[in-house]
Amino acid sequence: MTETLFTLTFAVAAPFWALMILLPRWSWTARIISSPLIVLPVVVIYAVLVIPAFDVVLPAVAAPSLDGVRELLGTFDGAAAGWAHMIAFDLFVGRWAWLDSRERGVPALVMAPVLVVTILLGPLGLAAYLAVRSRWVPSPGAADAEPRRLG
């Protein structure tokens, strides 16, 4: 079951990434991605993995040590839960970046590689977006407005 949940984790997140990267101007993309509930399927997988092991997980995260985290993530269930944790947060960050980029008028061709980096290397994708976003200022009704680039 753990391997199935591991495989399912990215599979349930991938359609949302595809919408943001491949269909950023489709009206349904904005409707779907505007909901923070898009991360819920991954959160459910995470809960299915973590809740039964709560007695082991809570001490490892309440008073973390490198050995404790290594031990926790060194199991199949721990690795699958860690993966679900990363996928959920990467998707949430990607969603925020995509929505913010629409408000700022950041071109979809600029955002596509940023979102790919976010999928693959979460925090580096966030850093890339923070660098990109500083070049555009939000404009009123910006989701469909022309980009306004700074300097």
N, C-alpha and C. Protein backbone atom coordinates (compact mmCIF):
# COMPACT_ATOMS: atom_id res chain seq x y z
N MET A 1 0.82 -1.20 0.00
CA MET A 1 0.00 0.00 0.00
C MET A 1 0.87 1.27 0.00
N THR A 2 1.98 1.24 0.72
CA THR A 2 2.84 2.41 0.80
C THR A 2 3.38 2.81 -0.56
N GLU A 3 3.80 1.82 -1.34
CA GLU A 3 4.33 2.13 -2.67
C GLU A 3 3.24 2.73 -3.56
N THR A 4 2.04 2.23 -3.45
CA THR A 4 0.91 2.77 -4.21
C THR A 4 0.65 4.22 -3.83
N LEU A 5 0.66 4.51 -2.54
CA LEU A 5 0.44 5.88 -2.08
C LEU A 5 1.58 6.80 -2.53
N PHE A 6 2.80 6.28 -2.49
CA PHE A 6 3.94 7.06 -2.98
C PHE A 6 3.74 7.44 -4.45
N THR A 7 3.37 6.46 -5.26
CA THR A 7 3.16 6.70 -6.69
C THR A 7 1.98 7.63 -6.92
N LEU A 8 0.94 7.46 -6.15
CA LEU A 8 -0.27 8.26 -6.30
C LEU A 8 -0.04 9.72 -5.92
N THR A 9 0.89 9.97 -5.02
CA THR A 9 1.13 11.33 -4.52
C THR A 9 1.37 12.32 -5.65
N PHE A 10 2.34 12.06 -6.51
CA PHE A 10 2.60 13.01 -7.58
C PHE A 10 1.51 12.94 -8.66
N ALA A 11 0.94 11.77 -8.85
CA ALA A 11 -0.10 11.62 -9.87
C ALA A 11 -1.30 12.51 -9.59
N VAL A 12 -1.66 12.71 -8.33
CA VAL A 12 -2.81 13.57 -8.02
C VAL A 12 -2.44 15.05 -8.06
N ALA A 13 -1.15 15.36 -7.97
CA ALA A 13 -0.72 16.76 -8.05
C ALA A 13 -0.42 17.19 -9.48
N ALA A 14 0.02 16.26 -10.31
CA ALA A 14 0.47 16.57 -11.67
C ALA A 14 -0.55 17.33 -12.52
N PRO A 15 -1.84 17.00 -12.47
CA PRO A 15 -2.78 17.76 -13.31
C PRO A 15 -2.79 19.26 -13.00
N PHE A 16 -2.60 19.61 -11.74
CA PHE A 16 -2.60 21.03 -11.38
C PHE A 16 -1.35 21.72 -11.90
N TRP A 17 -0.21 21.04 -11.82
CA TRP A 17 1.02 21.57 -12.41
C TRP A 17 0.85 21.73 -13.92
N ALA A 18 0.24 20.74 -14.56
CA ALA A 18 0.04 20.80 -16.02
C ALA A 18 -0.82 22.00 -16.40
N LEU A 19 -1.87 22.26 -15.63
CA LEU A 19 -2.71 23.42 -15.92
C LEU A 19 -1.91 24.72 -15.83
N MET A 20 -1.13 24.87 -14.75
CA MET A 20 -0.38 26.12 -14.56
C MET A 20 0.70 26.31 -15.62
N ILE A 21 1.33 25.22 -16.05
CA ILE A 21 2.45 25.32 -16.98
C ILE A 21 1.98 25.30 -18.44
N LEU A 22 1.08 24.39 -18.76
CA LEU A 22 0.69 24.18 -20.16
C LEU A 22 -0.53 24.97 -20.60
N LEU A 23 -1.42 25.27 -19.66
CA LEU A 23 -2.66 25.98 -20.00
C LEU A 23 -2.87 27.19 -19.08
N PRO A 24 -1.87 28.07 -18.96
CA PRO A 24 -1.98 29.15 -17.98
C PRO A 24 -3.06 30.19 -18.29
N ARG A 25 -3.46 30.32 -19.53
CA ARG A 25 -4.46 31.33 -19.91
C ARG A 25 -5.87 30.75 -20.08
N TRP A 26 -6.02 29.46 -19.90
CA TRP A 26 -7.34 28.84 -20.00
C TRP A 26 -8.18 29.29 -18.81
N SER A 27 -9.41 29.68 -19.05
CA SER A 27 -10.25 30.22 -17.97
C SER A 27 -10.46 29.21 -16.84
N TRP A 28 -10.52 27.94 -17.16
CA TRP A 28 -10.71 26.92 -16.13
C TRP A 28 -9.46 26.76 -15.25
N THR A 29 -8.30 27.07 -15.79
CA THR A 29 -7.08 26.98 -14.99
C THR A 29 -7.18 27.94 -13.81
N ALA A 30 -7.53 29.17 -14.06
CA ALA A 30 -7.65 30.16 -12.98
C ALA A 30 -8.71 29.73 -11.97
N ARG A 31 -9.82 29.20 -12.43
CA ARG A 31 -10.88 28.76 -11.52
C ARG A 31 -10.40 27.63 -10.61
N ILE A 32 -9.70 26.69 -11.20
CA ILE A 32 -9.25 25.51 -10.45
C ILE A 32 -8.11 25.88 -9.50
N ILE A 33 -7.11 26.58 -10.02
CA ILE A 33 -5.91 26.89 -9.22
C ILE A 33 -6.21 27.90 -8.14
N SER A 34 -7.25 28.70 -8.28
CA SER A 34 -7.57 29.68 -7.24
C SER A 34 -7.98 29.02 -5.93
N SER A 35 -8.37 27.77 -5.97
CA SER A 35 -8.77 27.07 -4.75
C SER A 35 -7.56 26.46 -4.04
N PRO A 36 -7.38 26.79 -2.76
CA PRO A 36 -6.30 26.14 -2.02
C PRO A 36 -6.56 24.65 -1.79
N LEU A 37 -7.76 24.21 -2.07
CA LEU A 37 -8.12 22.80 -1.88
C LEU A 37 -7.46 21.88 -2.89
N ILE A 38 -6.77 22.42 -3.88
CA ILE A 38 -6.10 21.55 -4.85
C ILE A 38 -5.04 20.68 -4.18
N VAL A 39 -4.55 21.09 -3.02
CA VAL A 39 -3.55 20.28 -2.32
C VAL A 39 -4.20 19.19 -1.47
N LEU A 40 -5.51 19.22 -1.33
CA LEU A 40 -6.20 18.27 -0.44
C LEU A 40 -5.94 16.80 -0.77
N PRO A 41 -5.95 16.38 -2.04
CA PRO A 41 -5.66 14.96 -2.30
C PRO A 41 -4.30 14.51 -1.76
N VAL A 42 -3.30 15.35 -1.88
CA VAL A 42 -1.98 15.00 -1.37
C VAL A 42 -1.99 15.02 0.16
N VAL A 43 -2.70 15.96 0.74
CA VAL A 43 -2.81 16.03 2.20
C VAL A 43 -3.48 14.77 2.75
N VAL A 44 -4.47 14.27 2.05
CA VAL A 44 -5.14 13.04 2.47
C VAL A 44 -4.15 11.87 2.44
N ILE A 45 -3.36 11.79 1.38
CA ILE A 45 -2.35 10.72 1.30
C ILE A 45 -1.37 10.86 2.46
N TYR A 46 -0.93 12.06 2.73
CA TYR A 46 -0.02 12.30 3.84
C TYR A 46 -0.65 11.84 5.16
N ALA A 47 -1.90 12.19 5.37
CA ALA A 47 -2.59 11.80 6.60
C ALA A 47 -2.70 10.29 6.73
N VAL A 48 -3.01 9.61 5.63
CA VAL A 48 -3.11 8.15 5.64
C VAL A 48 -1.78 7.52 6.04
N LEU A 49 -0.69 8.15 5.65
CA LEU A 49 0.64 7.63 5.99
C LEU A 49 1.08 8.01 7.40
N VAL A 50 0.75 9.21 7.85
CA VAL A 50 1.28 9.72 9.11
C VAL A 50 0.42 9.36 10.32
N ILE A 51 -0.88 9.43 10.19
CA ILE A 51 -1.74 9.22 11.37
C ILE A 51 -1.51 7.86 12.03
N PRO A 52 -1.42 6.76 11.27
CA PRO A 52 -1.17 5.48 11.95
C PRO A 52 0.19 5.42 12.66
N ALA A 53 1.12 6.24 12.26
CA ALA A 53 2.46 6.24 12.86
C ALA A 53 2.68 7.48 13.73
N PHE A 54 1.62 8.11 14.15
CA PHE A 54 1.71 9.37 14.88
C PHE A 54 2.58 9.26 16.13
N ASP A 55 2.53 8.12 16.80
CA ASP A 55 3.33 7.93 18.01
C ASP A 55 4.83 7.92 17.72
N VAL A 56 5.20 7.62 16.49
CA VAL A 56 6.62 7.65 16.08
C VAL A 56 6.96 9.00 15.46
N VAL A 57 6.03 9.55 14.68
CA VAL A 57 6.28 10.79 13.95
C VAL A 57 6.36 11.99 14.90
N LEU A 58 5.43 12.09 15.83
CA LEU A 58 5.37 13.27 16.69
C LEU A 58 6.67 13.51 17.46
N PRO A 59 7.22 12.51 18.13
CA PRO A 59 8.49 12.76 18.83
C PRO A 59 9.62 13.18 17.87
N ALA A 60 9.63 12.61 16.67
CA ALA A 60 10.69 12.92 15.71
C ALA A 60 10.60 14.35 15.20
N VAL A 61 9.40 14.90 15.13
CA VAL A 61 9.25 16.27 14.63
C VAL A 61 9.13 17.30 15.75
N ALA A 62 8.70 16.87 16.94
CA ALA A 62 8.57 17.79 18.07
C ALA A 62 9.93 18.17 18.64
N ALA A 63 10.85 17.23 18.65
CA ALA A 63 12.21 17.49 19.13
C ALA A 63 13.17 16.88 18.11
N PRO A 64 13.28 17.51 16.94
CA PRO A 64 14.04 16.89 15.85
C PRO A 64 15.55 16.81 16.13
N SER A 65 16.09 15.70 15.69
CA SER A 65 17.54 15.53 15.66
C SER A 65 17.84 14.94 14.29
N LEU A 66 19.04 15.12 13.83
CA LEU A 66 19.40 14.58 12.52
C LEU A 66 19.24 13.07 12.50
N ASP A 67 19.67 12.39 13.55
CA ASP A 67 19.51 10.93 13.60
C ASP A 67 18.04 10.53 13.62
N GLY A 68 17.23 11.26 14.38
CA GLY A 68 15.81 10.94 14.47
C GLY A 68 15.09 11.11 13.14
N VAL A 69 15.38 12.20 12.45
CA VAL A 69 14.76 12.44 11.14
C VAL A 69 15.25 11.42 10.12
N ARG A 70 16.55 11.12 10.17
CA ARG A 70 17.11 10.10 9.26
C ARG A 70 16.45 8.75 9.50
N GLU A 71 16.26 8.40 10.75
CA GLU A 71 15.62 7.13 11.08
C GLU A 71 14.17 7.11 10.59
N LEU A 72 13.46 8.20 10.81
CA LEU A 72 12.06 8.29 10.38
C LEU A 72 11.94 8.20 8.86
N LEU A 73 12.75 8.96 8.14
CA LEU A 73 12.67 8.97 6.68
C LEU A 73 13.31 7.74 6.05
N GLY A 74 14.03 6.99 6.84
CA GLY A 74 14.71 5.79 6.33
C GLY A 74 13.81 4.57 6.22
N THR A 75 12.54 4.73 6.51
CA THR A 75 11.57 3.63 6.35
C THR A 75 10.75 3.89 5.10
N PHE A 76 10.11 2.85 4.58
CA PHE A 76 9.24 3.03 3.40
C PHE A 76 8.11 4.01 3.71
N ASP A 77 7.45 3.81 4.86
CA ASP A 77 6.35 4.71 5.22
C ASP A 77 6.86 6.13 5.45
N GLY A 78 8.01 6.27 6.10
CA GLY A 78 8.57 7.59 6.36
C GLY A 78 8.97 8.31 5.08
N ALA A 79 9.59 7.57 4.16
CA ALA A 79 9.98 8.17 2.88
C ALA A 79 8.75 8.59 2.08
N ALA A 80 7.71 7.75 2.08
CA ALA A 80 6.48 8.08 1.35
C ALA A 80 5.79 9.30 1.98
N ALA A 81 5.78 9.36 3.31
CA ALA A 81 5.19 10.52 4.00
C ALA A 81 6.01 11.78 3.72
N GLY A 82 7.32 11.65 3.75
CA GLY A 82 8.18 12.79 3.43
C GLY A 82 7.93 13.31 2.02
N TRP A 83 7.77 12.36 1.08
CA TRP A 83 7.49 12.72 -0.31
C TRP A 83 6.15 13.45 -0.41
N ALA A 84 5.12 12.94 0.27
CA ALA A 84 3.80 13.60 0.24
C ALA A 84 3.89 15.00 0.86
N HIS A 85 4.65 15.12 1.91
CA HIS A 85 4.86 16.41 2.56
C HIS A 85 5.48 17.40 1.57
N MET A 86 6.53 16.96 0.87
CA MET A 86 7.19 17.83 -0.10
C MET A 86 6.26 18.19 -1.26
N ILE A 87 5.55 17.20 -1.79
CA ILE A 87 4.66 17.46 -2.93
C ILE A 87 3.56 18.43 -2.55
N ALA A 88 2.97 18.26 -1.36
CA ALA A 88 1.90 19.16 -0.92
C ALA A 88 2.40 20.60 -0.81
N PHE A 89 3.55 20.77 -0.17
CA PHE A 89 4.05 22.12 0.00
C PHE A 89 4.58 22.71 -1.29
N ASP A 90 5.21 21.92 -2.12
CA ASP A 90 5.66 22.44 -3.42
C ASP A 90 4.47 22.89 -4.25
N LEU A 91 3.39 22.11 -4.24
CA LEU A 91 2.20 22.49 -5.00
C LEU A 91 1.59 23.77 -4.43
N PHE A 92 1.55 23.88 -3.12
CA PHE A 92 0.98 25.08 -2.52
C PHE A 92 1.83 26.31 -2.87
N VAL A 93 3.14 26.17 -2.82
CA VAL A 93 4.04 27.27 -3.20
C VAL A 93 3.90 27.59 -4.69
N GLY A 94 3.85 26.55 -5.52
CA GLY A 94 3.67 26.76 -6.96
C GLY A 94 2.36 27.48 -7.25
N ARG A 95 1.31 27.09 -6.55
CA ARG A 95 0.00 27.73 -6.70
C ARG A 95 0.10 29.21 -6.33
N TRP A 96 0.74 29.51 -5.19
CA TRP A 96 0.90 30.90 -4.78
C TRP A 96 1.68 31.69 -5.84
N ALA A 97 2.78 31.12 -6.29
CA ALA A 97 3.60 31.82 -7.29
C ALA A 97 2.81 32.06 -8.56
N TRP A 98 2.05 31.07 -9.01
CA TRP A 98 1.26 31.21 -10.23
C TRP A 98 0.22 32.31 -10.06
N LEU A 99 -0.50 32.29 -8.93
CA LEU A 99 -1.52 33.32 -8.70
C LEU A 99 -0.89 34.70 -8.59
N ASP A 100 0.21 34.81 -7.86
CA ASP A 100 0.90 36.08 -7.72
C ASP A 100 1.42 36.57 -9.06
N SER A 101 1.93 35.65 -9.87
CA SER A 101 2.45 36.04 -11.18
C SER A 101 1.34 36.58 -12.08
N ARG A 102 0.14 36.05 -11.93
CA ARG A 102 -1.00 36.55 -12.71
C ARG A 102 -1.35 37.98 -12.28
N GLU A 103 -1.30 38.23 -10.98
CA GLU A 103 -1.58 39.59 -10.49
C GLU A 103 -0.53 40.59 -10.97
N ARG A 104 0.68 40.13 -11.11
CA ARG A 104 1.79 40.99 -11.52
C ARG A 104 1.95 41.06 -13.04
N GLY A 105 1.28 40.16 -13.76
CA GLY A 105 1.42 40.15 -15.21
C GLY A 105 2.72 39.53 -15.68
N VAL A 106 3.29 38.64 -14.88
CA VAL A 106 4.51 37.94 -15.31
C VAL A 106 4.14 37.02 -16.47
N PRO A 107 4.85 37.08 -17.57
CA PRO A 107 4.50 36.25 -18.73
C PRO A 107 4.56 34.74 -18.42
N ALA A 108 3.64 34.01 -19.02
CA ALA A 108 3.58 32.56 -18.83
C ALA A 108 4.88 31.88 -19.24
N LEU A 109 5.54 32.40 -20.26
CA LEU A 109 6.81 31.80 -20.69
C LEU A 109 7.93 32.01 -19.67
N VAL A 110 7.81 33.00 -18.85
CA VAL A 110 8.77 33.20 -17.76
C VAL A 110 8.43 32.25 -16.61
N MET A 111 7.14 32.09 -16.36
CA MET A 111 6.70 31.27 -15.22
C MET A 111 6.88 29.78 -15.45
N ALA A 112 6.76 29.32 -16.68
CA ALA A 112 6.85 27.88 -16.93
C ALA A 112 8.13 27.26 -16.37
N PRO A 113 9.30 27.79 -16.69
CA PRO A 113 10.51 27.18 -16.12
C PRO A 113 10.61 27.34 -14.60
N VAL A 114 10.09 28.44 -14.08
CA VAL A 114 10.09 28.63 -12.63
C VAL A 114 9.25 27.55 -11.96
N LEU A 115 8.09 27.26 -12.54
CA LEU A 115 7.22 26.23 -11.98
C LEU A 115 7.85 24.84 -12.10
N VAL A 116 8.56 24.59 -13.19
CA VAL A 116 9.25 23.30 -13.34
C VAL A 116 10.32 23.15 -12.26
N VAL A 117 11.06 24.21 -12.00
CA VAL A 117 12.07 24.16 -10.94
C VAL A 117 11.39 23.96 -9.59
N THR A 118 10.24 24.56 -9.39
CA THR A 118 9.50 24.38 -8.13
C THR A 118 9.07 22.93 -7.96
N ILE A 119 8.62 22.30 -9.04
CA ILE A 119 8.24 20.89 -8.97
C ILE A 119 9.45 20.04 -8.57
N LEU A 120 10.57 20.30 -9.20
CA LEU A 120 11.75 19.44 -9.03
C LEU A 120 12.56 19.76 -7.77
N LEU A 121 12.69 21.04 -7.45
CA LEU A 121 13.60 21.48 -6.39
C LEU A 121 12.94 22.56 -5.54
N GLY A 122 11.74 22.29 -5.06
CA GLY A 122 10.88 23.22 -4.33
C GLY A 122 11.46 24.54 -3.87
N PRO A 123 12.33 24.56 -2.86
CA PRO A 123 12.83 25.84 -2.36
C PRO A 123 13.60 26.66 -3.40
N LEU A 124 14.30 26.00 -4.31
CA LEU A 124 15.00 26.75 -5.36
C LEU A 124 14.01 27.37 -6.34
N GLY A 125 12.89 26.69 -6.57
CA GLY A 125 11.83 27.28 -7.40
C GLY A 125 11.23 28.50 -6.73
N LEU A 126 11.03 28.41 -5.42
CA LEU A 126 10.54 29.57 -4.68
C LEU A 126 11.53 30.72 -4.78
N ALA A 127 12.82 30.44 -4.61
CA ALA A 127 13.84 31.48 -4.73
C ALA A 127 13.83 32.08 -6.14
N ALA A 128 13.69 31.24 -7.14
CA ALA A 128 13.64 31.74 -8.52
C ALA A 128 12.44 32.65 -8.71
N TYR A 129 11.29 32.25 -8.16
CA TYR A 129 10.12 33.11 -8.33
C TYR A 129 10.29 34.42 -7.57
N LEU A 130 10.84 34.38 -6.38
CA LEU A 130 11.05 35.62 -5.63
C LEU A 130 11.96 36.57 -6.41
N ALA A 131 12.95 36.04 -7.11
CA ALA A 131 13.81 36.87 -7.94
C ALA A 131 13.03 37.42 -9.14
N VAL A 132 12.22 36.58 -9.77
CA VAL A 132 11.44 36.99 -10.95
C VAL A 132 10.39 38.02 -10.57
N ARG A 133 9.69 37.79 -9.48
CA ARG A 133 8.55 38.65 -9.13
C ARG A 133 8.96 40.08 -8.85
N SER A 134 10.20 40.28 -8.43
CA SER A 134 10.66 41.63 -8.12
C SER A 134 10.75 42.51 -9.37
N ARG A 135 10.69 41.90 -10.54
CA ARG A 135 10.79 42.65 -11.80
C ARG A 135 9.44 43.15 -12.31
N TRP A 136 8.35 42.69 -11.71
CA TRP A 136 7.01 43.11 -12.13
C TRP A 136 6.24 43.62 -10.93
N VAL A 137 5.49 44.70 -11.14
CA VAL A 137 4.66 45.23 -10.06
C VAL A 137 3.21 44.85 -10.31
N PRO A 138 2.46 44.59 -9.25
CA PRO A 138 1.06 44.25 -9.46
C PRO A 138 0.30 45.43 -10.06
N SER A 139 -0.62 45.15 -10.92
CA SER A 139 -1.45 46.21 -11.48
C SER A 139 -2.91 45.86 -11.20
N PRO A 140 -3.77 46.87 -11.13
CA PRO A 140 -5.18 46.61 -10.85
C PRO A 140 -5.78 45.68 -11.90
N GLY A 141 -6.51 44.67 -11.46
CA GLY A 141 -7.10 43.71 -12.38
C GLY A 141 -6.05 43.01 -13.22
N ALA A 142 -4.91 42.70 -12.62
CA ALA A 142 -3.72 42.27 -13.36
C ALA A 142 -3.80 40.90 -14.00
N ALA A 143 -4.73 40.05 -13.64
CA ALA A 143 -4.73 38.68 -14.16
C ALA A 143 -4.68 38.64 -15.68
N ASP A 144 -5.32 39.60 -16.33
CA ASP A 144 -5.32 39.60 -17.79
C ASP A 144 -4.69 40.86 -18.38
N ALA A 145 -4.07 41.65 -17.53
CA ALA A 145 -3.47 42.90 -18.00
C ALA A 145 -2.12 42.66 -18.65
N GLU A 146 -1.65 43.66 -19.35
CA GLU A 146 -0.30 43.62 -19.93
C GLU A 146 0.72 43.66 -18.80
N PRO A 147 1.81 42.94 -18.95
CA PRO A 147 2.85 42.99 -17.91
C PRO A 147 3.41 44.40 -17.77
N ARG A 148 3.66 44.78 -16.53
CA ARG A 148 4.32 46.07 -16.26
C ARG A 148 5.64 45.72 -15.62
N ARG A 149 6.68 45.81 -16.38
CA ARG A 149 8.02 45.42 -15.92
C ARG A 149 8.73 46.60 -15.30
N LEU A 150 9.43 46.35 -14.22
CA LEU A 150 10.25 47.38 -13.57
C LEU A 150 11.58 47.49 -14.28
N GLY A 151 12.11 48.70 -14.31
CA GLY A 151 13.43 49.01 -14.83
C GLY A 151 13.97 48.06 -15.75
